[in-house]
Amino acid sequence: MTPQQKQLNLFGLATRAGKLVTGEELTIKAVQRKEAKLVVVAADCSESTKQNIQNKCQYYNVPIDFAFSKEEISQAIGKSRSICAFTDKGFVDSYLKLKGTNDMK
């Protein structure tokens, strides 16, 4: 199993644990409430959506990643989504370790 597949598995685990917020609106609210520890945006979502989320994350100092496609994220969490946020530091640490970095944009 590749590190990318393991990262995608973390989405499912976090969903079942209640530590993943999905959807643009809920993710933005989690960022504003400082609950989001890492936001993941599909690389193939619209530029305006990417820019909107990136601006929010920058303002609230939340790391953001554009690693997967909407299809990959949707399949991993079992719902059609292009934006989600981890709300647990443990999941974020595991995600970043699998990515091979502790430094996000």
PDB file of N, CA and C in Angstrom:
ATOM      1  N   MET A   1       0.846  -1.189   0.000  1.00  0.00           N
ATOM      2  CA  MET A   1       0.000   0.000   0.000  1.00  0.00           C
ATOM      3  C   MET A   1       0.888   1.248   0.000  1.00  0.00           C
ATOM      4  N   THR A   2       0.605   2.160  -0.900  1.00  0.00           N
ATOM      5  CA  THR A   2       1.420   3.368  -1.025  1.00  0.00           C
ATOM      6  C   THR A   2       1.084   4.369   0.092  1.00  0.00           C
ATOM      7  N   PRO A   3       2.003   5.316   0.362  1.00  0.00           N
ATOM      8  CA  PRO A   3       1.707   6.344   1.361  1.00  0.00           C
ATOM      9  C   PRO A   3       0.448   7.146   1.027  1.00  0.00           C
ATOM     10  N   GLN A   4       0.193   7.378  -0.276  1.00  0.00           N
ATOM     11  CA  GLN A   4      -1.016   8.116  -0.673  1.00  0.00           C
ATOM     12  C   GLN A   4      -2.274   7.330  -0.324  1.00  0.00           C
ATOM     13  N   GLN A   5      -2.246   6.017  -0.516  1.00  0.00           N
ATOM     14  CA  GLN A   5      -3.398   5.191  -0.153  1.00  0.00           C
ATOM     15  C   GLN A   5      -3.615   5.207   1.353  1.00  0.00           C
ATOM     16  N   LYS A   6      -2.522   5.189   2.098  1.00  0.00           N
ATOM     17  CA  LYS A   6      -2.627   5.244   3.554  1.00  0.00           C
ATOM     18  C   LYS A   6      -3.199   6.589   4.005  1.00  0.00           C
ATOM     19  N   GLN A   7      -2.790   7.677   3.309  1.00  0.00           N
ATOM     20  CA  GLN A   7      -3.351   8.994   3.616  1.00  0.00           C
ATOM     21  C   GLN A   7      -4.859   8.992   3.380  1.00  0.00           C
ATOM     22  N   LEU A   8      -5.285   8.419   2.265  1.00  0.00           N
ATOM     23  CA  LEU A   8      -6.713   8.353   1.958  1.00  0.00           C
ATOM     24  C   LEU A   8      -7.453   7.501   2.991  1.00  0.00           C
ATOM     25  N   ASN A   9      -6.815   6.453   3.485  1.00  0.00           N
ATOM     26  CA  ASN A   9      -7.429   5.629   4.534  1.00  0.00           C
ATOM     27  C   ASN A   9      -7.661   6.451   5.808  1.00  0.00           C
ATOM     28  N   LEU A  10      -6.774   7.405   6.066  1.00  0.00           N
ATOM     29  CA  LEU A  10      -6.938   8.261   7.241  1.00  0.00           C
ATOM     30  C   LEU A  10      -8.237   9.077   7.170  1.00  0.00           C
ATOM     31  N   PHE A  11      -8.647   9.464   5.953  1.00  0.00           N
ATOM     32  CA  PHE A  11      -9.910  10.191   5.807  1.00  0.00           C
ATOM     33  C   PHE A  11     -11.069   9.347   6.339  1.00  0.00           C
ATOM     34  N   GLY A  12     -11.087   8.079   5.958  1.00  0.00           N
ATOM     35  CA  GLY A  12     -12.150   7.174   6.417  1.00  0.00           C
ATOM     36  C   GLY A  12     -12.112   6.966   7.915  1.00  0.00           C
ATOM     37  N   LEU A  13     -10.914   6.761   8.451  1.00  0.00           N
ATOM     38  CA  LEU A  13     -10.768   6.581   9.901  1.00  0.00           C
ATOM     39  C   LEU A  13     -11.221   7.825  10.656  1.00  0.00           C
ATOM     40  N   ALA A  14     -10.804   8.986  10.188  1.00  0.00           N
ATOM     41  CA  ALA A  14     -11.178  10.241  10.843  1.00  0.00           C
ATOM     42  C   ALA A  14     -12.687  10.475  10.753  1.00  0.00           C
ATOM     43  N   THR A  15     -13.285  10.096   9.634  1.00  0.00           N
ATOM     44  CA  THR A  15     -14.738  10.233   9.475  1.00  0.00           C
ATOM     45  C   THR A  15     -15.464   9.388  10.516  1.00  0.00           C
ATOM     46  N   ARG A  16     -15.054   8.128  10.634  1.00  0.00           N
ATOM     47  CA  ARG A  16     -15.696   7.230  11.597  1.00  0.00           C
ATOM     48  C   ARG A  16     -15.459   7.681  13.035  1.00  0.00           C
ATOM     49  N   ALA A  17     -14.326   8.332  13.275  1.00  0.00           N
ATOM     50  CA  ALA A  17     -14.011   8.819  14.626  1.00  0.00           C
ATOM     51  C   ALA A  17     -14.666  10.171  14.917  1.00  0.00           C
ATOM     52  N   GLY A  18     -15.300  10.758  13.908  1.00  0.00           N
ATOM     53  CA  GLY A  18     -15.926  12.069  14.097  1.00  0.00           C
ATOM     54  C   GLY A  18     -14.920  13.203  14.139  1.00  0.00           C
ATOM     55  N   LYS A  19     -13.768  12.999  13.523  1.00  0.00           N
ATOM     56  CA  LYS A  19     -12.693  13.996  13.550  1.00  0.00           C
ATOM     57  C   LYS A  19     -12.425  14.595  12.173  1.00  0.00           C
ATOM     58  N   LEU A  20     -13.402  14.488  11.273  1.00  0.00           N
ATOM     59  CA  LEU A  20     -13.266  15.048   9.929  1.00  0.00           C
ATOM     60  C   LEU A  20     -14.525  15.843   9.603  1.00  0.00           C
ATOM     61  N   VAL A  21     -14.324  17.105   9.263  1.00  0.00           N
ATOM     62  CA  VAL A  21     -15.426  17.969   8.832  1.00  0.00           C
ATOM     63  C   VAL A  21     -15.391  18.003   7.314  1.00  0.00           C
ATOM     64  N   THR A  22     -16.552  17.833   6.666  1.00  0.00           N
ATOM     65  CA  THR A  22     -16.566  17.800   5.202  1.00  0.00           C
ATOM     66  C   THR A  22     -17.510  18.860   4.643  1.00  0.00           C
ATOM     67  N   GLY A  23     -17.191  19.307   3.452  1.00  0.00           N
ATOM     68  CA  GLY A  23     -18.000  20.314   2.782  1.00  0.00           C
ATOM     69  C   GLY A  23     -17.429  21.707   3.002  1.00  0.00           C
ATOM     70  N   GLU A  24     -17.637  22.570   2.022  1.00  0.00           N
ATOM     71  CA  GLU A  24     -17.042  23.909   2.065  1.00  0.00           C
ATOM     72  C   GLU A  24     -17.528  24.728   3.258  1.00  0.00           C
ATOM     73  N   GLU A  25     -18.834  24.773   3.459  1.00  0.00           N
ATOM     74  CA  GLU A  25     -19.404  25.608   4.514  1.00  0.00           C
ATOM     75  C   GLU A  25     -18.948  25.161   5.911  1.00  0.00           C
ATOM     76  N   LEU A  26     -19.054  23.861   6.175  1.00  0.00           N
ATOM     77  CA  LEU A  26     -18.665  23.351   7.497  1.00  0.00           C
ATOM     78  C   LEU A  26     -17.162  23.478   7.732  1.00  0.00           C
ATOM     79  N   THR A  27     -16.383  23.308   6.673  1.00  0.00           N
ATOM     80  CA  THR A  27     -14.932  23.451   6.796  1.00  0.00           C
ATOM     81  C   THR A  27     -14.565  24.894   7.138  1.00  0.00           C
ATOM     82  N   ILE A  28     -15.190  25.855   6.464  1.00  0.00           N
ATOM     83  CA  ILE A  28     -14.914  27.268   6.754  1.00  0.00           C
ATOM     84  C   ILE A  28     -15.296  27.599   8.200  1.00  0.00           C
ATOM     85  N   LYS A  29     -16.429  27.082   8.655  1.00  0.00           N
ATOM     86  CA  LYS A  29     -16.844  27.327  10.050  1.00  0.00           C
ATOM     87  C   LYS A  29     -15.835  26.730  11.027  1.00  0.00           C
ATOM     88  N   ALA A  30     -15.337  25.525  10.723  1.00  0.00           N
ATOM     89  CA  ALA A  30     -14.345  24.875  11.586  1.00  0.00           C
ATOM     90  C   ALA A  30     -13.043  25.677  11.616  1.00  0.00           C
ATOM     91  N   VAL A  31     -12.654  26.243  10.477  1.00  0.00           N
ATOM     92  CA  VAL A  31     -11.452  27.084  10.402  1.00  0.00           C
ATOM     93  C   VAL A  31     -11.653  28.332  11.262  1.00  0.00           C
ATOM     94  N   GLN A  32     -12.805  28.979  11.131  1.00  0.00           N
ATOM     95  CA  GLN A  32     -13.079  30.205  11.879  1.00  0.00           C
ATOM     96  C   GLN A  32     -13.152  29.952  13.380  1.00  0.00           C
ATOM     97  N   ARG A  33     -13.645  28.766  13.777  1.00  0.00           N
ATOM     98  CA  ARG A  33     -13.725  28.425  15.205  1.00  0.00           C
ATOM     99  C   ARG A  33     -12.406  27.870  15.731  1.00  0.00           C
ATOM    100  N   LYS A  34     -11.395  27.821  14.851  1.00  0.00           N
ATOM    101  CA  LYS A  34     -10.066  27.296  15.185  1.00  0.00           C
ATOM    102  C   LYS A  34     -10.108  25.813  15.588  1.00  0.00           C
ATOM    103  N   GLU A  35     -11.065  25.077  15.032  1.00  0.00           N
ATOM    104  CA  GLU A  35     -11.160  23.638  15.270  1.00  0.00           C
ATOM    105  C   GLU A  35     -10.373  22.859  14.227  1.00  0.00           C
ATOM    106  N   ALA A  36     -10.270  23.405  13.019  1.00  0.00           N
ATOM    107  CA  ALA A  36      -9.580  22.715  11.926  1.00  0.00           C
ATOM    108  C   ALA A  36      -8.072  22.752  12.156  1.00  0.00           C
ATOM    109  N   LYS A  37      -7.433  21.593  12.052  1.00  0.00           N
ATOM    110  CA  LYS A  37      -5.983  21.488  12.216  1.00  0.00           C
ATOM    111  C   LYS A  37      -5.275  21.389  10.862  1.00  0.00           C
ATOM    112  N   LEU A  38      -5.998  20.898   9.850  1.00  0.00           N
ATOM    113  CA  LEU A  38      -5.481  20.781   8.485  1.00  0.00           C
ATOM    114  C   LEU A  38      -6.668  20.705   7.537  1.00  0.00           C
ATOM    115  N   VAL A  39      -6.647  21.526   6.499  1.00  0.00           N
ATOM    116  CA  VAL A  39      -7.695  21.514   5.484  1.00  0.00           C
ATOM    117  C   VAL A  39      -7.134  20.848   4.235  1.00  0.00           C
ATOM    118  N   VAL A  40      -7.922  19.945   3.654  1.00  0.00           N
ATOM    119  CA  VAL A  40      -7.537  19.283   2.409  1.00  0.00           C
ATOM    120  C   VAL A  40      -8.562  19.668   1.344  1.00  0.00           C
ATOM    121  N   VAL A  41      -8.064  20.244   0.252  1.00  0.00           N
ATOM    122  CA  VAL A  41      -8.915  20.690  -0.855  1.00  0.00           C
ATOM    123  C   VAL A  41      -8.541  19.881  -2.093  1.00  0.00           C
ATOM    124  N   ALA A  42      -9.544  19.421  -2.813  1.00  0.00           N
ATOM    125  CA  ALA A  42      -9.289  18.661  -4.040  1.00  0.00           C
ATOM    126  C   ALA A  42      -8.543  19.525  -5.046  1.00  0.00           C
ATOM    127  N   ALA A  43      -7.544  18.947  -5.656  1.00  0.00           N
ATOM    128  CA  ALA A  43      -6.735  19.681  -6.635  1.00  0.00           C
ATOM    129  C   ALA A  43      -7.562  20.085  -7.853  1.00  0.00           C
ATOM    130  N   ASP A  44      -8.658  19.371  -8.111  1.00  0.00           N
ATOM    131  CA  ASP A  44      -9.460  19.653  -9.296  1.00  0.00           C
ATOM    132  C   ASP A  44     -10.746  20.433  -9.015  1.00  0.00           C
ATOM    133  N   CYS A  45     -10.846  21.069  -7.845  1.00  0.00           N
ATOM    134  CA  CYS A  45     -12.035  21.905  -7.612  1.00  0.00           C
ATOM    135  C   CYS A  45     -11.797  23.290  -8.231  1.00  0.00           C
ATOM    136  N   SER A  46     -12.825  24.103  -8.272  1.00  0.00           N
ATOM    137  CA  SER A  46     -12.735  25.380  -8.987  1.00  0.00           C
ATOM    138  C   SER A  46     -11.712  26.327  -8.355  1.00  0.00           C
ATOM    139  N   GLU A  47     -11.139  27.174  -9.186  1.00  0.00           N
ATOM    140  CA  GLU A  47     -10.130  28.132  -8.718  1.00  0.00           C
ATOM    141  C   GLU A  47     -10.704  29.095  -7.676  1.00  0.00           C
ATOM    142  N   SER A  48     -11.954  29.518  -7.859  1.00  0.00           N
ATOM    143  CA  SER A  48     -12.554  30.448  -6.896  1.00  0.00           C
ATOM    144  C   SER A  48     -12.731  29.786  -5.531  1.00  0.00           C
ATOM    145  N   THR A  49     -13.105  28.513  -5.534  1.00  0.00           N
ATOM    146  CA  THR A  49     -13.246  27.775  -4.277  1.00  0.00           C
ATOM    147  C   THR A  49     -11.887  27.619  -3.602  1.00  0.00           C
ATOM    148  N   LYS A  50     -10.880  27.230  -4.394  1.00  0.00           N
ATOM    149  CA  LYS A  50      -9.523  27.095  -3.847  1.00  0.00           C
ATOM    150  C   LYS A  50      -9.067  28.405  -3.216  1.00  0.00           C
ATOM    151  N   GLN A  51      -9.286  29.507  -3.935  1.00  0.00           N
ATOM    152  CA  GLN A  51      -8.845  30.820  -3.458  1.00  0.00           C
ATOM    153  C   GLN A  51      -9.574  31.213  -2.177  1.00  0.00           C
ATOM    154  N   ASN A  52     -10.877  30.966  -2.140  1.00  0.00           N
ATOM    155  CA  ASN A  52     -11.678  31.291  -0.958  1.00  0.00           C
ATOM    156  C   ASN A  52     -11.173  30.533   0.273  1.00  0.00           C
ATOM    157  N   ILE A  53     -10.983  29.232   0.131  1.00  0.00           N
ATOM    158  CA  ILE A  53     -10.510  28.410   1.249  1.00  0.00           C
ATOM    159  C   ILE A  53      -9.082  28.801   1.631  1.00  0.00           C
ATOM    160  N   GLN A  54      -8.248  29.040   0.635  1.00  0.00           N
ATOM    161  CA  GLN A  54      -6.856  29.413   0.904  1.00  0.00           C
ATOM    162  C   GLN A  54      -6.789  30.725   1.687  1.00  0.00           C
ATOM    163  N   ASN A  55      -7.627  31.701   1.330  1.00  0.00           N
ATOM    164  CA  ASN A  55      -7.653  32.976   2.042  1.00  0.00           C
ATOM    165  C   ASN A  55      -8.064  32.786   3.500  1.00  0.00           C
ATOM    166  N   LYS A  56      -9.095  31.968   3.734  1.00  0.00           N
ATOM    167  CA  LYS A  56      -9.556  31.698   5.105  1.00  0.00           C
ATOM    168  C   LYS A  56      -8.453  31.018   5.912  1.00  0.00           C
ATOM    169  N   CYS A  57      -7.822  30.012   5.305  1.00  0.00           N
ATOM    170  CA  CYS A  57      -6.777  29.260   6.002  1.00  0.00           C
ATOM    171  C   CYS A  57      -5.581  30.154   6.320  1.00  0.00           C
ATOM    172  N   GLN A  58      -5.233  31.024   5.379  1.00  0.00           N
ATOM    173  CA  GLN A  58      -4.112  31.938   5.593  1.00  0.00           C
ATOM    174  C   GLN A  58      -4.422  32.892   6.742  1.00  0.00           C
ATOM    175  N   TYR A  59      -5.627  33.449   6.739  1.00  0.00           N
ATOM    176  CA  TYR A  59      -6.022  34.414   7.762  1.00  0.00           C
ATOM    177  C   TYR A  59      -6.024  33.777   9.150  1.00  0.00           C
ATOM    178  N   TYR A  60      -6.535  32.540   9.255  1.00  0.00           N
ATOM    179  CA  TYR A  60      -6.627  31.847  10.543  1.00  0.00           C
ATOM    180  C   TYR A  60      -5.423  30.951  10.820  1.00  0.00           C
ATOM    181  N   ASN A  61      -4.414  31.005   9.939  1.00  0.00           N
ATOM    182  CA  ASN A  61      -3.174  30.252  10.115  1.00  0.00           C
ATOM    183  C   ASN A  61      -3.404  28.739  10.243  1.00  0.00           C
ATOM    184  N   VAL A  62      -4.164  28.198   9.306  1.00  0.00           N
ATOM    185  CA  VAL A  62      -4.443  26.761   9.262  1.00  0.00           C
ATOM    186  C   VAL A  62      -3.752  26.191   8.023  1.00  0.00           C
ATOM    187  N   PRO A  63      -2.981  25.117   8.179  1.00  0.00           N
ATOM    188  CA  PRO A  63      -2.319  24.530   7.011  1.00  0.00           C
ATOM    189  C   PRO A  63      -3.340  23.970   6.016  1.00  0.00           C
ATOM    190  N   ILE A  64      -2.965  23.974   4.742  1.00  0.00           N
ATOM    191  CA  ILE A  64      -3.859  23.519   3.673  1.00  0.00           C
ATOM    192  C   ILE A  64      -3.069  22.627   2.713  1.00  0.00           C
ATOM    193  N   ASP A  65      -3.746  21.619   2.175  1.00  0.00           N
ATOM    194  CA  ASP A  65      -3.093  20.689   1.253  1.00  0.00           C
ATOM    195  C   ASP A  65      -4.002  20.466   0.044  1.00  0.00           C
ATOM    196  N   PHE A  66      -3.399  20.394  -1.131  1.00  0.00           N
ATOM    197  CA  PHE A  66      -4.124  20.157  -2.388  1.00  0.00           C
ATOM    198  C   PHE A  66      -3.654  18.842  -3.005  1.00  0.00           C
ATOM    199  N   ALA A  67      -3.686  17.763  -2.250  1.00  0.00           N
ATOM    200  CA  ALA A  67      -3.020  16.534  -2.666  1.00  0.00           C
ATOM    201  C   ALA A  67      -3.850  15.600  -3.540  1.00  0.00           C
ATOM    202  N   PHE A  68      -5.160  15.580  -3.385  1.00  0.00           N
ATOM    203  CA  PHE A  68      -5.961  14.544  -4.033  1.00  0.00           C
ATOM    204  C   PHE A  68      -7.058  15.139  -4.910  1.00  0.00           C
ATOM    205  N   SER A  69      -7.625  14.294  -5.759  1.00  0.00           N
ATOM    206  CA  SER A  69      -8.742  14.731  -6.608  1.00  0.00           C
ATOM    207  C   SER A  69     -10.049  14.604  -5.824  1.00  0.00           C
ATOM    208  N   LYS A  70     -11.085  15.250  -6.344  1.00  0.00           N
ATOM    209  CA  LYS A  70     -12.408  15.173  -5.715  1.00  0.00           C
ATOM    210  C   LYS A  70     -12.866  13.720  -5.639  1.00  0.00           C
ATOM    211  N   GLU A  71     -12.618  12.975  -6.687  1.00  0.00           N
ATOM    212  CA  GLU A  71     -13.025  11.563  -6.728  1.00  0.00           C
ATOM    213  C   GLU A  71     -12.338  10.754  -5.623  1.00  0.00           C
ATOM    214  N   GLU A  72     -11.039  10.970  -5.448  1.00  0.00           N
ATOM    215  CA  GLU A  72     -10.287  10.231  -4.412  1.00  0.00           C
ATOM    216  C   GLU A  72     -10.795  10.573  -3.016  1.00  0.00           C
ATOM    217  N   ILE A  73     -11.003  11.856  -2.754  1.00  0.00           N
ATOM    218  CA  ILE A  73     -11.501  12.280  -1.434  1.00  0.00           C
ATOM    219  C   ILE A  73     -12.896  11.716  -1.197  1.00  0.00           C
ATOM    220  N   SER A  74     -13.759  11.837  -2.193  1.00  0.00           N
ATOM    221  CA  SER A  74     -15.139  11.347  -2.076  1.00  0.00           C
ATOM    222  C   SER A  74     -15.174   9.849  -1.789  1.00  0.00           C
ATOM    223  N   GLN A  75     -14.358   9.105  -2.504  1.00  0.00           N
ATOM    224  CA  GLN A  75     -14.316   7.656  -2.310  1.00  0.00           C
ATOM    225  C   GLN A  75     -13.798   7.315  -0.907  1.00  0.00           C
ATOM    226  N   ALA A  76     -12.830   8.058  -0.428  1.00  0.00           N
ATOM    227  CA  ALA A  76     -12.228   7.782   0.879  1.00  0.00           C
ATOM    228  C   ALA A  76     -13.206   8.025   2.026  1.00  0.00           C
ATOM    229  N   ILE A  77     -14.073   9.039   1.888  1.00  0.00           N
ATOM    230  CA  ILE A  77     -14.986   9.355   3.004  1.00  0.00           C
ATOM    231  C   ILE A  77     -16.409   8.850   2.784  1.00  0.00           C
ATOM    232  N   GLY A  78     -16.696   8.365   1.576  1.00  0.00           N
ATOM    233  CA  GLY A  78     -18.001   7.788   1.320  1.00  0.00           C
ATOM    234  C   GLY A  78     -19.088   8.795   0.978  1.00  0.00           C
ATOM    235  N   LYS A  79     -18.718  10.045   0.713  1.00  0.00           N
ATOM    236  CA  LYS A  79     -19.665  11.081   0.297  1.00  0.00           C
ATOM    237  C   LYS A  79     -18.992  11.917  -0.777  1.00  0.00           C
ATOM    238  N   SER A  80     -19.787  12.562  -1.597  1.00  0.00           N
ATOM    239  CA  SER A  80     -19.227  13.407  -2.648  1.00  0.00           C
ATOM    240  C   SER A  80     -18.781  14.741  -2.045  1.00  0.00           C
ATOM    241  N   ARG A  81     -17.479  14.895  -1.858  1.00  0.00           N
ATOM    242  CA  ARG A  81     -16.920  16.105  -1.258  1.00  0.00           C
ATOM    243  C   ARG A  81     -15.598  16.458  -1.935  1.00  0.00           C
ATOM    244  N   SER A  82     -15.280  17.752  -1.952  1.00  0.00           N
ATOM    245  CA  SER A  82     -13.989  18.179  -2.491  1.00  0.00           C
ATOM    246  C   SER A  82     -13.177  18.930  -1.444  1.00  0.00           C
ATOM    247  N   ILE A  83     -13.776  19.190  -0.279  1.00  0.00           N
ATOM    248  CA  ILE A  83     -13.096  19.927   0.786  1.00  0.00           C
ATOM    249  C   ILE A  83     -13.401  19.254   2.116  1.00  0.00           C
ATOM    250  N   CYS A  84     -12.354  19.078   2.918  1.00  0.00           N
ATOM    251  CA  CYS A  84     -12.567  18.542   4.258  1.00  0.00           C
ATOM    252  C   CYS A  84     -11.462  19.058   5.183  1.00  0.00           C
ATOM    253  N   ALA A  85     -11.689  18.890   6.467  1.00  0.00           N
ATOM    254  CA  ALA A  85     -10.713  19.365   7.457  1.00  0.00           C
ATOM    255  C   ALA A  85     -10.600  18.359   8.589  1.00  0.00           C
ATOM    256  N   PHE A  86      -9.371  18.038   8.944  1.00  0.00           N
ATOM    257  CA  PHE A  86      -9.128  17.214  10.128  1.00  0.00           C
ATOM    258  C   PHE A  86      -9.229  18.109  11.359  1.00  0.00           C
ATOM    259  N   THR A  87      -9.911  17.622  12.402  1.00  0.00           N
ATOM    260  CA  THR A  87     -10.039  18.410  13.627  1.00  0.00           C
ATOM    261  C   THR A  87      -9.249  17.792  14.781  1.00  0.00           C
ATOM    262  N   ASP A  88      -8.433  16.795  14.460  1.00  0.00           N
ATOM    263  CA  ASP A  88      -7.645  16.119  15.486  1.00  0.00           C
ATOM    264  C   ASP A  88      -6.164  16.140  15.100  1.00  0.00           C
ATOM    265  N   LYS A  89      -5.330  16.592  16.019  1.00  0.00           N
ATOM    266  CA  LYS A  89      -3.897  16.731  15.741  1.00  0.00           C
ATOM    267  C   LYS A  89      -3.233  15.388  15.443  1.00  0.00           C
ATOM    268  N   GLY A  90      -3.690  14.323  16.063  1.00  0.00           N
ATOM    269  CA  GLY A  90      -3.125  12.997  15.820  1.00  0.00           C
ATOM    270  C   GLY A  90      -3.278  12.558  14.376  1.00  0.00           C
ATOM    271  N   PHE A  91      -4.457  12.779  13.809  1.00  0.00           N
ATOM    272  CA  PHE A  91      -4.680  12.442  12.408  1.00  0.00           C
ATOM    273  C   PHE A  91      -3.816  13.312  11.492  1.00  0.00           C
ATOM    274  N   VAL A  92      -3.691  14.582  11.845  1.00  0.00           N
ATOM    275  CA  VAL A  92      -2.870  15.500  11.048  1.00  0.00           C
ATOM    276  C   VAL A  92      -1.413  15.052  11.073  1.00  0.00           C
ATOM    277  N   ASP A  93      -0.916  14.705  12.252  1.00  0.00           N
ATOM    278  CA  ASP A  93       0.471  14.241  12.369  1.00  0.00           C
ATOM    279  C   ASP A  93       0.706  13.001  11.509  1.00  0.00           C
ATOM    280  N   SER A  94      -0.229  12.057  11.547  1.00  0.00           N
ATOM    281  CA  SER A  94      -0.108  10.843  10.729  1.00  0.00           C
ATOM    282  C   SER A  94      -0.147  11.174   9.244  1.00  0.00           C
ATOM    283  N   TYR A  95      -1.052  12.071   8.867  1.00  0.00           N
ATOM    284  CA  TYR A  95      -1.193  12.486   7.464  1.00  0.00           C
ATOM    285  C   TYR A  95       0.110  13.105   6.959  1.00  0.00           C
ATOM    286  N   LEU A  96       0.672  14.016   7.742  1.00  0.00           N
ATOM    287  CA  LEU A  96       1.900  14.705   7.341  1.00  0.00           C
ATOM    288  C   LEU A  96       3.095  13.762   7.318  1.00  0.00           C
ATOM    289  N   LYS A  97       3.123  12.820   8.250  1.00  0.00           N
ATOM    290  CA  LYS A  97       4.210  11.843   8.283  1.00  0.00           C
ATOM    291  C   LYS A  97       4.184  10.988   7.007  1.00  0.00           C
ATOM    292  N   LEU A  98       2.976  10.569   6.605  1.00  0.00           N
ATOM    293  CA  LEU A  98       2.845   9.788   5.370  1.00  0.00           C
ATOM    294  C   LEU A  98       3.195  10.619   4.147  1.00  0.00           C
ATOM    295  N   LYS A  99       2.911  11.896   4.202  1.00  0.00           N
ATOM    296  CA  LYS A  99       3.228  12.791   3.087  1.00  0.00           C
ATOM    297  C   LYS A  99       4.743  13.019   3.007  1.00  0.00           C
ATOM    298  N   GLY A 100       5.415  12.833   4.142  1.00  0.00           N
ATOM    299  CA  GLY A 100       6.871  12.998   4.170  1.00  0.00           C
ATOM    300  C   GLY A 100       7.288  14.413   4.513  1.00  0.00           C
ATOM    301  N   THR A 101       6.386  15.155   5.145  1.00  0.00           N
ATOM    302  CA  THR A 101       6.708  16.526   5.516  1.00  0.00           C
ATOM    303  C   THR A 101       5.938  16.920   6.760  1.00  0.00           C
ATOM    304  N   ASN A 102       6.471  17.867   7.490  1.00  0.00           N
ATOM    305  CA  ASN A 102       5.744  18.457   8.612  1.00  0.00           C
ATOM    306  C   ASN A 102       5.486  19.923   8.334  1.00  0.00           C
ATOM    307  N   ASP A 103       5.781  20.332   7.101  1.00  0.00           N
ATOM    308  CA  ASP A 103       5.659  21.738   6.727  1.00  0.00           C
ATOM    309  C   ASP A 103       4.620  21.882   5.616  1.00  0.00           C
ATOM    310  N   MET A 104       3.514  22.519   5.932  1.00  0.00           N
ATOM    311  CA  MET A 104       2.459  22.713   4.944  1.00  0.00           C
ATOM    312  C   MET A 104       2.423  24.160   4.497  1.00  0.00           C
ATOM    313  N   LYS A 105       1.739  24.429   3.376  1.00  0.00           N
ATOM    314  CA  LYS A 105       1.607  25.768   2.819  1.00  0.00           C
ATOM    315  C   LYS A 105       0.875  26.681   3.782  1.00  0.00           C
TER     316      LYS A 105
END
